[in-house]
Protein backbone atom coordinates (compact mmCIF):
# COMPACT_ATOMS: atom_id res chain seq x y z
CA MET A 1 14.59 -21.10 -14.10
CA ILE A 2 11.74 -19.07 -14.83
CA THR A 3 8.54 -18.99 -13.01
CA ALA A 4 4.85 -19.13 -14.01
CA GLY A 5 4.39 -15.84 -12.04
CA GLY A 6 7.61 -14.17 -12.79
CA PHE A 7 6.69 -14.77 -16.65
CA VAL A 8 2.96 -12.87 -15.73
CA ALA A 9 4.60 -10.22 -13.50
CA THR A 10 6.87 -9.33 -16.40
CA VAL A 11 4.42 -9.44 -19.07
CA LEU A 12 1.56 -7.34 -17.33
CA MET A 13 4.83 -4.64 -16.92
CA LEU A 14 5.93 -4.88 -20.20
CA LEU A 15 2.15 -4.26 -21.13
CA PHE A 16 1.28 -1.54 -18.52
CA SER A 17 4.70 0.54 -19.11
CA VAL A 18 3.99 0.51 -22.91
CA ALA A 19 0.20 1.55 -22.02
CA LEU A 20 1.43 4.32 -19.96
CA ASN A 21 4.09 5.35 -22.34
CA LEU A 22 1.10 5.83 -25.32
CA TYR A 23 -0.79 7.71 -22.73
CA VAL A 24 1.30 10.13 -21.71
CA ASP A 25 2.66 10.80 -25.23
CA LYS A 26 -0.59 10.86 -26.85
CA ILE A 27 -3.29 12.17 -24.34
CA GLY A 28 -1.79 12.93 -21.12
CA ARG A 29 -0.56 17.08 -20.80
CA CYS A 30 2.49 16.58 -18.52
CA ASP A 31 3.77 19.92 -19.91
CA GLN A 32 0.49 21.95 -18.88
CA VAL A 33 0.23 20.42 -15.64
CA TYR A 34 2.67 21.62 -12.85
CA GLY A 35 3.47 17.91 -11.01
CA GLN A 36 2.51 15.63 -13.54
CA PRO A 37 5.39 14.11 -14.13
CA VAL A 38 5.60 12.64 -10.61
CA VAL A 39 2.36 11.51 -10.85
CA VAL A 40 2.85 9.49 -13.82
CA LEU A 41 6.13 8.30 -12.26
CA MET A 42 3.97 7.58 -8.87
CA LEU A 43 1.22 5.47 -11.07
CA TRP A 44 3.87 3.77 -12.59
CA LEU A 45 5.97 2.56 -9.53
CA TYR A 46 2.59 1.62 -7.81
CA VAL A 47 1.39 -0.57 -11.09
CA THR A 48 4.91 -2.05 -10.82
CA GLY A 49 4.46 -3.26 -7.18
CA LEU A 50 1.11 -4.13 -7.65
CA THR A 51 2.13 -6.73 -10.98
CA MET A 52 5.21 -8.20 -8.56
CA LEU A 53 2.67 -8.91 -6.44
CA ILE A 54 0.16 -10.30 -9.05
CA GLY A 55 3.32 -12.75 -9.75
CA THR A 56 4.51 -13.69 -5.98
CA GLU A 57 0.33 -14.84 -5.64
CA ILE A 58 0.56 -17.25 -8.73
CA ASN A 59 3.87 -18.77 -7.56
CA ALA A 60 2.81 -19.21 -3.91
CA VAL A 61 -0.97 -20.94 -5.49
CA LEU A 62 1.62 -23.00 -7.74
CA ALA A 63 3.44 -24.26 -5.05
CA ARG A 64 0.33 -24.60 -2.66
CA MET A 65 -1.01 -26.80 -4.93
CA ALA A 66 1.87 -28.75 -5.88
CA GLU A 67 1.86 -29.46 -1.96
CA GLU A 68 -1.73 -31.21 -2.01
CA ARG A 69 -0.47 -32.90 -5.25
CA LYS A 70 2.30 -34.50 -3.84
CA GLY A 71 1.38 -34.37 -0.23
CA VAL A 72 4.64 -32.68 0.37
CA GLU A 73 5.15 -29.52 2.38
CA PHE A 74 7.27 -27.04 0.68
CA VAL A 75 6.22 -23.84 2.79
CA GLN A 76 5.98 -24.55 6.73
CA GLU A 77 3.66 -22.40 8.64
CA GLU A 78 4.77 -19.70 11.29
CA GLY A 79 5.22 -21.63 14.75
CA GLN A 80 5.81 -25.02 13.24
CA PRO A 81 9.01 -27.10 14.42
CA ASN A 82 10.99 -28.56 11.49
């Protein structure tokens, strides 16, 4: 099953990966600065994690909206009995 958050996160990650690739190929000077490839990798990992968090947040908001609409509690608060 494909969720809205998963789809958005995948699209954002693909768009950012393409943009970062274009930047490194056309504008970035990775061969002239020591450590630049490591910085590019760290930036890619950071944004990948950020897109996953955005997708997860979208799924959480949609689940809460469904709870309110149907009157059913999908996600229980911590400390509440079953």
